[in-house]
Amino acid sequence: MTDVKSTAVPAGVETNGLNVIDESERKGRPSSLFWPWFASNISVLSISYGAFVLGFGLSFWQALAAAIVGTVASFALCGFVSLAGKRGSAPTMTLSRAPFGVHGNRVPSFLSWVLTVGWETVLVVLATLATSTVLTRLGWGGGTISKIIVLILVAGVTVLAGIFGFDLIMRVQTFITIATAVLTVGYMILAASHIQWSAVTAHKSGGAPQFFGALVMVMTALGLGWVNCAADYSRYLPRSASSGGVVGWTTLGGSLGPIVLIVFGLMLSASDQKLADGVGADPIGALTPILPTWFLLPFLLVVLLGLIGGAVMDIYSSGLALMSAGLPVPRPVAALIDGIIMSIGAALVVFVAKDFLGPFQGFLITVGVPIAAWCGIFLGDLLLRKRDYDEPSLFDARGRYGSVQPIPLALIAIGTVVGWGLVTNSLASWLQWQGYLLGPIGGKEGDWAYANLGVLAALLIGFLGTLLTKSVVRREEATA
């Protein structure tokens, strides 16, 4: 058994790692999933996503449709992945051993770890930059020393919650949900006077390439960034819990906040070009100039709570992914290791990188392609399985799932190669090699160059490829 679960830890620290949750520990209802998903996605960063979406050259109504469809579809994927947690009562990357094999699963586990650590880093960076902007406007500093202090505090809270684990996270997320929702509504009320409907509706329509580009950006920035850890939070539910409830509450919790905030961001950025331009360098700090001075501290609180809410869920899942990739340490230690890496990465971005948007989009698309392929494979495998997961085989390479399953690994490789060939990112110089398959549809300068179809292609290759090779799952289940 590759999991490490130790009881020699301080009281209150979760000892569960990659193991299957014992029947005595399974509790709650599907509705409890609403709180962590809502809290981790209520960040005011979604307001800036509105500017990103509109930046594709869409009308307000096109941007609205792309935002809603992209948000709901991506979190619906999280909802379906969450079903595996209910059925198998184990973390996502433990259950991923069923299609990939016990040792073969180290490949998607490593990819999952990269994605979650990357998101942790992004959220800590945003918290640091936004705090610096607010402190500067208040005349309280905002320079290097302030950034260092904020980075240490935000990273420290995130790591601490990640170490203590599930129960603390669920309690913290409930508080964050309520506090953030109230303060975010306050921001929207104060900023609403800056919306000019005539300017909003004046934006001209874009074509299908622009629409799909915005749609994919929303999907990768939201739900597709969570699919690899969705079962981590449903694994504590009783197996008798409603499947429809698991999918529905996960989708609702993840989608509700971003949809409201992105729509507001669309209207705000369409009315204020200066604000729309500013979010590229500081996605959250750029939202502060329109606020009265007295609301800057409440705004800072909502920013920190929202970003910490997302970072906490990421560091919890990144620790599990690191263990699943083969690191033989207890879950709290894995979370601590990830926290150190996260802090170093955040410091490099804050103090070395020249802008935020380029590295951010490059990261989302590049890692999003193989994760989309994995998601398609995982969901296809979940759909084909009629029996419960064989728990001992998830930890034994000699069991039903074997050591390495070549077909899923081949599918993730094919999906990645095809996907990277159909995406581009002009804002990140280190990714200019991408887009090598765009020639037949106009090349890297054509209309479809920035539609990022590679993400959708990778998802479909993984899903359809798994369904076409269903005999593999049938042979496994025949041995039960």
Protein backbone atom coordinates (compact mmCIF):
# COMPACT_ATOMS: atom_id res chain seq x y z
CA MET A 1 0.00 0.00 0.00
CA THR A 2 1.61 3.26 -1.12
CA ASP A 3 -0.30 5.56 1.18
CA VAL A 4 1.30 6.95 4.31
CA LYS A 5 -1.12 7.49 7.16
CA SER A 6 0.28 8.28 10.57
CA THR A 7 -1.46 8.87 13.89
CA ALA A 8 1.62 10.53 15.41
CA VAL A 9 0.40 14.00 14.59
CA PRO A 10 -1.00 16.88 16.67
CA ALA A 11 -4.67 16.77 17.66
CA GLY A 12 -6.98 18.16 15.01
CA VAL A 13 -4.68 17.35 12.11
CA GLU A 14 -6.28 15.07 9.52
CA THR A 15 -4.42 11.77 9.19
CA ASN A 16 -6.24 10.53 6.08
CA GLY A 17 -4.12 10.59 2.95
CA LEU A 18 -4.54 8.52 -0.18
CA ASN A 19 -6.46 5.84 1.70
CA VAL A 20 -10.12 4.92 1.26
CA ILE A 21 -12.22 6.67 3.92
CA ASP A 22 -13.55 4.29 6.56
CA GLU A 23 -17.31 3.82 6.75
CA SER A 24 -17.35 5.34 10.25
CA GLU A 25 -15.91 8.62 8.92
CA ARG A 26 -18.33 9.10 6.02
CA LYS A 27 -20.82 11.82 6.81
CA GLY A 28 -22.77 14.78 5.49
CA ARG A 29 -25.10 15.46 2.59
CA PRO A 30 -24.46 16.51 -1.00
CA SER A 31 -25.61 20.03 -0.08
CA SER A 32 -22.50 20.37 2.13
CA LEU A 33 -20.43 20.47 -1.07
CA PHE A 34 -21.89 23.89 -1.87
CA TRP A 35 -19.81 25.66 0.79
CA PRO A 36 -16.24 24.75 -0.21
CA TRP A 37 -16.97 25.15 -3.92
CA PHE A 38 -18.68 28.51 -3.48
CA ALA A 39 -16.03 29.85 -1.10
CA SER A 40 -13.14 28.85 -3.34
CA ASN A 41 -14.66 30.52 -6.41
CA ILE A 42 -16.22 33.72 -5.03
CA SER A 43 -12.97 35.67 -5.46
CA VAL A 44 -13.27 39.13 -7.00
CA LEU A 45 -10.71 37.85 -9.51
CA SER A 46 -13.77 36.73 -11.47
CA ILE A 47 -14.66 40.40 -12.03
CA SER A 48 -11.39 40.73 -13.93
CA TYR A 49 -12.27 37.63 -15.93
CA GLY A 50 -15.04 39.78 -17.38
CA ALA A 51 -12.40 42.08 -18.85
CA PHE A 52 -10.43 39.09 -20.17
CA VAL A 53 -13.53 37.68 -21.88
CA LEU A 54 -14.49 41.01 -23.44
CA GLY A 55 -10.90 41.38 -24.62
CA PHE A 56 -11.48 38.62 -27.17
CA GLY A 57 -13.46 41.14 -29.25
CA LEU A 58 -17.02 40.10 -28.39
CA SER A 59 -20.24 41.98 -27.88
CA PHE A 60 -21.67 42.03 -24.37
CA TRP A 61 -24.25 39.36 -25.19
CA GLN A 62 -21.69 37.08 -26.81
CA ALA A 63 -19.37 37.52 -23.85
CA LEU A 64 -22.27 36.81 -21.49
CA ALA A 65 -23.09 33.55 -23.29
CA ALA A 66 -19.44 32.44 -23.36
CA ALA A 67 -19.06 33.18 -19.64
CA ILE A 68 -22.21 31.32 -18.58
CA VAL A 69 -21.69 28.28 -20.81
CA GLY A 70 -17.98 28.04 -19.99
CA THR A 71 -18.55 28.37 -16.25
CA VAL A 72 -21.42 25.91 -15.94
CA ALA A 73 -19.91 23.34 -18.33
CA SER A 74 -16.53 23.37 -16.56
CA PHE A 75 -18.00 22.98 -13.09
CA ALA A 76 -20.35 20.27 -14.34
CA LEU A 77 -17.19 18.33 -15.20
CA CYS A 78 -16.16 18.80 -11.55
CA GLY A 79 -19.56 17.51 -10.50
CA PHE A 80 -19.19 14.32 -12.51
CA VAL A 81 -15.65 13.75 -11.22
CA SER A 82 -17.07 14.21 -7.71
CA LEU A 83 -19.25 11.15 -8.30
CA ALA A 84 -16.10 9.05 -8.27
CA GLY A 85 -15.35 10.33 -4.76
CA LYS A 86 -18.74 9.23 -3.53
CA ARG A 87 -18.42 5.83 -5.21
CA GLY A 88 -14.82 5.17 -4.19
CA SER A 89 -14.39 7.26 -1.01
CA ALA A 90 -10.79 8.08 -1.95
CA PRO A 91 -8.99 11.15 -3.36
CA THR A 92 -9.25 11.86 -7.07
CA MET A 93 -5.69 10.84 -7.81
CA THR A 94 -6.08 7.57 -5.94
CA LEU A 95 -9.17 6.69 -7.98
CA SER A 96 -7.30 7.70 -11.13
CA ARG A 97 -5.22 4.54 -10.61
CA ALA A 98 -8.17 2.53 -11.93
CA PRO A 99 -7.74 3.67 -15.56
CA PHE A 100 -3.97 4.34 -15.49
CA GLY A 101 -2.64 1.59 -13.23
CA VAL A 102 -1.07 1.99 -9.81
CA HIS A 103 2.31 3.12 -11.15
CA GLY A 104 1.16 4.52 -14.48
CA ASN A 105 -1.00 6.98 -12.55
CA ARG A 106 2.11 8.81 -11.40
CA VAL A 107 2.10 10.67 -14.73
CA PRO A 108 -1.33 12.36 -14.32
CA SER A 109 -0.64 12.75 -10.58
CA PHE A 110 2.44 14.80 -11.39
CA LEU A 111 0.45 16.91 -13.86
CA SER A 112 -2.23 17.41 -11.20
CA TRP A 113 0.41 18.48 -8.71
CA VAL A 114 1.86 21.02 -11.15
CA LEU A 115 -1.60 22.48 -11.80
CA THR A 116 -2.62 22.81 -8.15
CA VAL A 117 0.74 24.20 -7.02
CA GLY A 118 0.57 26.63 -9.93
CA TRP A 119 -2.88 27.82 -8.87
CA GLU A 120 -1.77 28.17 -5.24
CA THR A 121 1.07 30.36 -6.43
CA VAL A 122 -1.21 32.47 -8.66
CA LEU A 123 -3.65 33.13 -5.80
CA VAL A 124 -0.91 34.11 -3.34
CA VAL A 125 0.60 36.42 -5.98
CA LEU A 126 -2.77 38.09 -6.56
CA ALA A 127 -3.30 38.58 -2.84
CA THR A 128 0.14 40.17 -2.51
CA LEU A 129 -0.24 42.51 -5.49
CA ALA A 130 -3.75 43.59 -4.50
CA THR A 131 -2.71 44.30 -0.92
CA SER A 132 0.25 46.36 -2.13
CA THR A 133 -2.06 48.42 -4.37
CA VAL A 134 -4.54 49.11 -1.56
CA LEU A 135 -1.81 50.02 0.95
CA THR A 136 -0.21 52.37 -1.58
CA ARG A 137 -3.49 54.17 -2.16
CA LEU A 138 -4.02 54.49 1.60
CA GLY A 139 -0.52 55.90 2.00
CA TRP A 140 0.53 53.02 4.26
CA GLY A 141 3.40 51.72 2.17
CA GLY A 142 2.90 49.07 -0.48
CA GLY A 143 6.56 48.65 -1.36
CA THR A 144 8.87 45.66 -1.13
CA ILE A 145 8.67 45.26 2.65
CA SER A 146 4.86 45.32 2.59
CA LYS A 147 4.78 42.72 -0.17
CA ILE A 148 7.11 40.43 1.74
CA ILE A 149 4.98 40.67 4.90
CA VAL A 150 1.72 40.01 3.04
CA LEU A 151 3.21 37.12 1.09
CA ILE A 152 4.40 35.48 4.31
CA LEU A 153 1.04 35.97 6.05
CA VAL A 154 -1.10 34.69 3.17
CA ALA A 155 1.19 31.75 2.49
CA GLY A 156 1.31 30.94 6.20
CA VAL A 157 -2.49 30.81 6.59
CA THR A 158 -2.80 28.70 3.45
CA VAL A 159 -0.16 26.20 4.55
CA LEU A 160 -1.61 25.94 8.06
CA ALA A 161 -5.09 25.12 6.76
CA GLY A 162 -3.61 22.62 4.30
CA ILE A 163 -1.75 20.84 7.10
CA PHE A 164 -4.78 20.56 9.39
CA GLY A 165 -6.91 19.19 6.55
CA PHE A 166 -10.52 18.46 5.66
CA ASP A 167 -12.53 19.34 8.77
CA LEU A 168 -10.79 22.69 9.31
CA ILE A 169 -11.10 23.54 5.62
CA MET A 170 -14.84 22.84 5.63
CA ARG A 171 -15.35 25.08 8.68
CA VAL A 172 -13.17 27.87 7.30
CA GLN A 173 -14.88 27.77 3.91
CA THR A 174 -18.32 28.25 5.45
CA PHE A 175 -17.11 31.44 7.16
CA ILE A 176 -15.35 32.65 4.03
CA THR A 177 -18.49 32.06 1.96
CA ILE A 178 -20.67 34.25 4.15
CA ALA A 179 -18.14 37.03 4.75
CA THR A 180 -16.99 37.21 1.16
CA ALA A 181 -20.52 37.21 -0.26
CA VAL A 182 -21.55 40.15 1.93
CA LEU A 183 -18.45 42.22 1.18
CA THR A 184 -18.56 41.43 -2.54
CA VAL A 185 -22.13 42.69 -2.73
CA GLY A 186 -20.91 45.87 -1.07
CA TYR A 187 -18.25 46.32 -3.74
CA MET A 188 -20.80 45.79 -6.52
CA ILE A 189 -23.17 48.37 -5.04
CA LEU A 190 -20.41 50.98 -4.82
CA ALA A 191 -19.05 50.26 -8.30
CA ALA A 192 -22.43 50.00 -10.04
CA SER A 193 -22.60 53.75 -10.70
CA HIS A 194 -19.61 53.42 -13.06
CA ILE A 195 -21.53 51.14 -15.43
CA GLN A 196 -22.77 52.90 -18.56
CA TRP A 197 -25.25 50.70 -20.40
CA SER A 198 -24.80 52.59 -23.66
CA ALA A 199 -21.07 51.78 -23.60
CA VAL A 200 -21.76 48.17 -22.68
CA THR A 201 -24.07 47.58 -25.63
CA ALA A 202 -21.84 49.50 -28.04
CA HIS A 203 -19.26 46.71 -28.28
CA LYS A 204 -19.32 45.04 -31.69
CA SER A 205 -19.86 41.34 -32.19
CA GLY A 206 -17.03 38.91 -32.83
CA GLY A 207 -17.00 35.69 -34.80
CA ALA A 208 -16.98 32.03 -33.81
CA PRO A 209 -13.19 31.95 -33.20
CA GLN A 210 -13.44 34.80 -30.70
CA PHE A 211 -16.41 33.17 -28.96
CA PHE A 212 -14.66 29.82 -28.57
CA GLY A 213 -11.49 31.54 -27.38
CA ALA A 214 -13.41 33.25 -24.59
CA LEU A 215 -15.32 30.07 -23.79
CA VAL A 216 -12.14 28.01 -23.41
CA MET A 217 -10.45 30.73 -21.36
CA VAL A 218 -13.34 30.67 -18.88
CA MET A 219 -13.31 26.87 -18.73
CA THR A 220 -9.57 26.65 -18.04
CA ALA A 221 -9.63 29.52 -15.54
CA LEU A 222 -12.54 27.98 -13.59
CA GLY A 223 -13.81 24.39 -13.53
CA LEU A 224 -11.02 22.75 -15.54
CA GLY A 225 -8.62 24.05 -12.94
CA TRP A 226 -10.45 21.98 -10.31
CA VAL A 227 -11.36 18.69 -12.06
CA ASN A 228 -8.23 16.93 -10.87
CA CYS A 229 -9.22 17.35 -7.21
CA ALA A 230 -13.03 17.34 -7.31
CA ALA A 231 -13.41 13.92 -5.65
CA ASP A 232 -11.21 14.99 -2.73
CA TYR A 233 -14.20 16.70 -1.10
CA SER A 234 -16.98 14.25 -1.99
CA ARG A 235 -15.06 11.21 -0.70
CA TYR A 236 -16.35 11.76 2.84
CA LEU A 237 -19.98 11.47 1.75
CA PRO A 238 -21.89 8.24 2.40
CA ARG A 239 -22.07 6.05 -0.69
CA SER A 240 -25.86 6.24 -0.43
CA ALA A 241 -25.78 10.01 -1.07
CA SER A 242 -27.74 11.21 -4.10
CA SER A 243 -25.61 11.19 -7.27
CA GLY A 244 -27.72 13.97 -8.75
CA GLY A 245 -27.21 15.97 -5.58
CA VAL A 246 -23.44 15.55 -5.74
CA VAL A 247 -23.29 16.79 -9.33
CA GLY A 248 -25.86 19.53 -8.79
CA TRP A 249 -24.48 21.03 -5.58
CA THR A 250 -20.90 20.95 -6.88
CA THR A 251 -21.92 22.65 -10.13
CA LEU A 252 -24.07 25.23 -8.37
CA GLY A 253 -21.50 26.00 -5.68
CA GLY A 254 -18.71 26.44 -8.20
CA SER A 255 -20.72 28.36 -10.83
CA LEU A 256 -22.93 30.75 -8.90
CA GLY A 257 -20.32 33.22 -7.69
CA PRO A 258 -18.22 33.39 -10.88
CA ILE A 259 -21.24 33.91 -13.14
CA VAL A 260 -22.49 36.86 -11.10
CA LEU A 261 -19.02 38.39 -10.82
CA ILE A 262 -18.01 37.83 -14.45
CA VAL A 263 -21.24 39.42 -15.68
CA PHE A 264 -20.60 42.40 -13.42
CA GLY A 265 -17.01 42.53 -14.65
CA LEU A 266 -18.21 42.51 -18.26
CA MET A 267 -20.37 45.56 -17.67
CA LEU A 268 -17.73 47.36 -15.64
CA SER A 269 -14.86 46.80 -18.08
CA ALA A 270 -17.06 47.62 -21.07
CA SER A 271 -17.80 50.96 -19.42
CA ASP A 272 -14.23 51.79 -18.40
CA GLN A 273 -11.43 51.06 -20.87
CA LYS A 274 -8.75 52.21 -18.41
CA LEU A 275 -9.91 49.61 -15.90
CA ALA A 276 -10.05 46.94 -18.61
CA ASP A 277 -6.46 47.70 -19.62
CA GLY A 278 -5.22 47.73 -16.02
CA VAL A 279 -6.29 44.21 -15.10
CA GLY A 280 -3.54 42.76 -17.29
CA ALA A 281 -0.84 43.90 -14.86
CA ASP A 282 -2.78 43.75 -11.58
CA PRO A 283 -6.12 41.92 -12.04
CA ILE A 284 -7.50 42.84 -8.62
CA GLY A 285 -5.66 46.04 -7.75
CA ALA A 286 -6.95 47.59 -10.97
CA LEU A 287 -10.48 47.39 -9.52
CA THR A 288 -9.71 49.75 -6.62
CA PRO A 289 -9.50 53.24 -8.24
CA ILE A 290 -13.29 53.41 -8.56
CA LEU A 291 -13.80 52.75 -4.84
CA PRO A 292 -14.13 55.37 -2.09
CA THR A 293 -11.19 55.36 0.32
CA TRP A 294 -13.30 54.20 3.29
CA PHE A 295 -14.13 50.91 1.53
CA LEU A 296 -10.56 49.98 0.63
CA LEU A 297 -9.96 47.98 3.82
CA PRO A 298 -13.23 45.99 3.49
CA PHE A 299 -12.31 45.43 -0.17
CA LEU A 300 -8.88 44.15 0.88
CA LEU A 301 -10.56 41.77 3.33
CA VAL A 302 -12.84 40.33 0.66
CA VAL A 303 -9.88 39.93 -1.67
CA LEU A 304 -7.79 38.08 0.90
CA LEU A 305 -10.63 35.85 2.05
CA GLY A 306 -11.61 34.89 -1.49
CA LEU A 307 -8.07 34.14 -2.64
CA ILE A 308 -7.17 32.26 0.54
CA GLY A 309 -10.35 30.19 0.15
CA GLY A 310 -9.16 28.98 -3.24
CA ALA A 311 -5.53 28.52 -2.19
CA VAL A 312 -6.54 26.40 0.81
CA MET A 313 -8.41 23.91 -1.36
CA ASP A 314 -5.52 23.82 -3.82
CA ILE A 315 -2.83 23.12 -1.24
CA TYR A 316 -4.91 20.33 0.30
CA SER A 317 -5.29 18.62 -3.07
CA SER A 318 -1.75 19.34 -4.23
CA GLY A 319 -0.44 17.48 -1.19
CA LEU A 320 -2.56 14.46 -2.10
CA ALA A 321 -1.38 14.66 -5.73
CA LEU A 322 2.25 14.80 -4.62
CA MET A 323 1.77 11.66 -2.54
CA SER A 324 0.03 9.93 -5.42
CA ALA A 325 2.95 10.84 -7.68
CA GLY A 326 5.14 8.68 -5.44
CA LEU A 327 6.45 10.83 -2.56
CA PRO A 328 6.28 8.57 0.57
CA VAL A 329 5.38 11.15 3.23
CA PRO A 330 2.29 11.81 5.39
CA ARG A 331 -0.31 14.20 3.98
CA PRO A 332 0.56 17.13 6.35
CA VAL A 333 4.22 16.90 5.32
CA ALA A 334 3.25 16.90 1.63
CA ALA A 335 1.15 20.03 2.22
CA LEU A 336 4.12 21.70 3.92
CA ILE A 337 6.44 20.85 1.01
CA ASP A 338 3.92 22.30 -1.44
CA GLY A 339 3.62 25.42 0.69
CA ILE A 340 7.36 26.02 0.53
CA ILE A 341 7.37 25.60 -3.27
CA MET A 342 4.32 27.86 -3.53
CA SER A 343 5.99 30.59 -1.48
CA ILE A 344 9.17 30.51 -3.56
CA GLY A 345 7.18 30.61 -6.83
CA ALA A 346 5.03 33.49 -5.60
CA ALA A 347 8.10 35.48 -4.60
CA LEU A 348 9.62 35.00 -8.06
CA VAL A 349 6.44 36.22 -9.80
CA VAL A 350 5.94 39.20 -7.47
CA PHE A 351 9.52 40.44 -7.47
CA VAL A 352 10.90 39.24 -10.82
CA ALA A 353 8.15 38.86 -13.44
CA LYS A 354 7.27 42.01 -15.43
CA ASP A 355 3.56 41.26 -15.84
CA PHE A 356 0.89 38.87 -14.63
CA LEU A 357 -1.39 38.19 -17.58
CA GLY A 358 1.21 36.60 -19.88
CA PRO A 359 2.51 33.98 -17.42
CA PHE A 360 -1.03 33.38 -16.14
CA GLN A 361 -2.59 32.62 -19.52
CA GLY A 362 0.45 30.62 -20.59
CA PHE A 363 0.19 28.50 -17.46
CA LEU A 364 -3.57 27.97 -17.81
CA ILE A 365 -3.46 26.81 -21.42
CA THR A 366 -0.25 24.78 -21.32
CA VAL A 367 -1.17 22.73 -18.24
CA GLY A 368 -4.88 22.84 -19.10
CA VAL A 369 -4.37 20.73 -22.24
CA PRO A 370 -3.04 17.53 -20.59
CA ILE A 371 -5.41 17.98 -17.64
CA ALA A 372 -8.32 18.18 -20.10
CA ALA A 373 -7.11 14.93 -21.70
CA TRP A 374 -6.91 13.31 -18.25
CA CYS A 375 -10.41 14.56 -17.40
CA GLY A 376 -11.83 13.00 -20.57
CA ILE A 377 -10.14 9.67 -19.78
CA PHE A 378 -11.26 9.70 -16.14
CA LEU A 379 -14.88 10.52 -16.97
CA GLY A 380 -14.99 7.97 -19.78
CA ASP A 381 -13.65 5.31 -17.41
CA LEU A 382 -16.13 6.33 -14.69
CA LEU A 383 -19.01 6.06 -17.17
CA LEU A 384 -17.96 2.56 -18.24
CA ARG A 385 -17.55 1.12 -14.75
CA LYS A 386 -20.65 -0.68 -13.50
CA ARG A 387 -19.05 -2.06 -10.33
CA ASP A 388 -17.63 -0.25 -7.31
CA TYR A 389 -13.89 0.39 -7.28
CA ASP A 390 -11.83 -2.57 -6.06
CA GLU A 391 -10.24 -0.88 -3.04
CA PRO A 392 -7.27 -3.22 -2.45
CA SER A 393 -6.34 -3.03 -6.16
CA LEU A 394 -5.98 0.75 -5.92
CA PHE A 395 -2.89 0.16 -3.79
CA ASP A 396 -1.52 -3.08 -5.26
CA ALA A 397 0.14 -3.12 -8.69
CA ARG A 398 -0.57 -6.86 -8.86
CA GLY A 399 -4.30 -6.23 -8.48
CA ARG A 400 -7.10 -5.72 -10.97
CA TYR A 401 -5.85 -2.34 -12.25
CA GLY A 402 -2.28 -3.49 -12.80
CA SER A 403 0.93 -1.50 -12.70
CA VAL A 404 0.81 0.52 -15.94
CA GLN A 405 -2.08 0.79 -18.40
CA PRO A 406 -0.61 1.82 -21.78
CA ILE A 407 -3.82 2.89 -23.58
CA PRO A 408 -4.80 5.73 -21.19
CA LEU A 409 -1.19 6.94 -21.09
CA ALA A 410 -1.11 6.91 -24.89
CA LEU A 411 -4.39 8.86 -24.98
CA ILE A 412 -3.08 11.53 -22.61
CA ALA A 413 0.06 11.83 -24.76
CA ILE A 414 -1.93 12.06 -28.02
CA GLY A 415 -4.35 14.55 -26.49
CA THR A 416 -1.47 16.70 -25.28
CA VAL A 417 0.41 16.67 -28.59
CA VAL A 418 -2.73 17.51 -30.57
CA GLY A 419 -3.88 20.03 -27.98
CA TRP A 420 -0.64 21.97 -27.82
CA GLY A 421 -0.64 22.06 -31.61
CA LEU A 422 -4.00 23.88 -31.59
CA VAL A 423 -3.33 26.58 -28.97
CA THR A 424 -1.28 29.76 -28.99
CA ASN A 425 -0.26 32.40 -26.48
CA SER A 426 1.40 35.51 -27.87
CA LEU A 427 1.85 37.04 -24.40
CA ALA A 428 4.28 34.34 -23.27
CA SER A 429 7.49 34.22 -25.32
CA TRP A 430 8.45 30.81 -23.97
CA LEU A 431 5.34 29.28 -25.60
CA GLN A 432 5.89 30.41 -29.18
CA TRP A 433 6.47 26.80 -30.23
CA GLN A 434 2.79 25.98 -29.68
CA GLY A 435 0.24 26.11 -32.50
CA TYR A 436 2.14 23.81 -34.87
CA LEU A 437 -1.12 22.21 -36.14
CA LEU A 438 -2.94 25.45 -36.98
CA GLY A 439 -1.76 25.61 -40.59
CA PRO A 440 -4.91 24.13 -42.20
CA ILE A 441 -7.14 26.66 -40.41
CA GLY A 442 -5.15 29.83 -41.02
CA GLY A 443 -1.94 29.33 -39.07
CA LYS A 444 -0.77 31.20 -35.98
CA GLU A 445 -2.05 34.50 -37.35
CA GLY A 446 -5.43 33.21 -38.52
CA ASP A 447 -8.85 33.82 -37.00
CA TRP A 448 -8.77 30.50 -35.10
CA ALA A 449 -5.29 30.97 -33.66
CA TYR A 450 -6.52 32.21 -30.29
CA ALA A 451 -9.63 30.04 -30.01
CA ASN A 452 -7.53 27.52 -28.03
CA LEU A 453 -9.40 24.60 -29.54
CA GLY A 454 -6.62 22.35 -28.32
CA VAL A 455 -8.17 22.21 -24.83
CA LEU A 456 -11.49 20.93 -26.19
CA ALA A 457 -9.68 18.58 -28.59
CA ALA A 458 -7.69 17.03 -25.74
CA LEU A 459 -10.86 16.56 -23.67
CA LEU A 460 -12.65 14.80 -26.55
CA ILE A 461 -9.64 12.63 -27.43
CA GLY A 462 -9.43 11.39 -23.86
CA PHE A 463 -13.16 10.77 -23.50
CA LEU A 464 -13.92 9.22 -26.88
CA GLY A 465 -10.68 7.23 -26.90
CA THR A 466 -11.62 5.68 -23.54
CA LEU A 467 -15.12 4.79 -24.74
CA LEU A 468 -13.71 3.18 -27.88
CA THR A 469 -11.41 0.98 -25.80
CA LYS A 470 -14.10 -0.08 -23.34
CA SER A 471 -13.02 -3.72 -23.57
CA VAL A 472 -10.22 -2.89 -21.11
CA VAL A 473 -12.69 -1.97 -18.36
CA ARG A 474 -14.91 -4.94 -19.18
CA ARG A 475 -11.98 -7.36 -18.81
CA GLU A 476 -11.08 -5.82 -15.45
CA GLU A 477 -14.59 -6.07 -14.11
CA ALA A 478 -14.93 -9.62 -15.42
CA THR A 479 -12.15 -10.65 -13.01
CA ALA A 480 -14.16 -9.48 -9.98
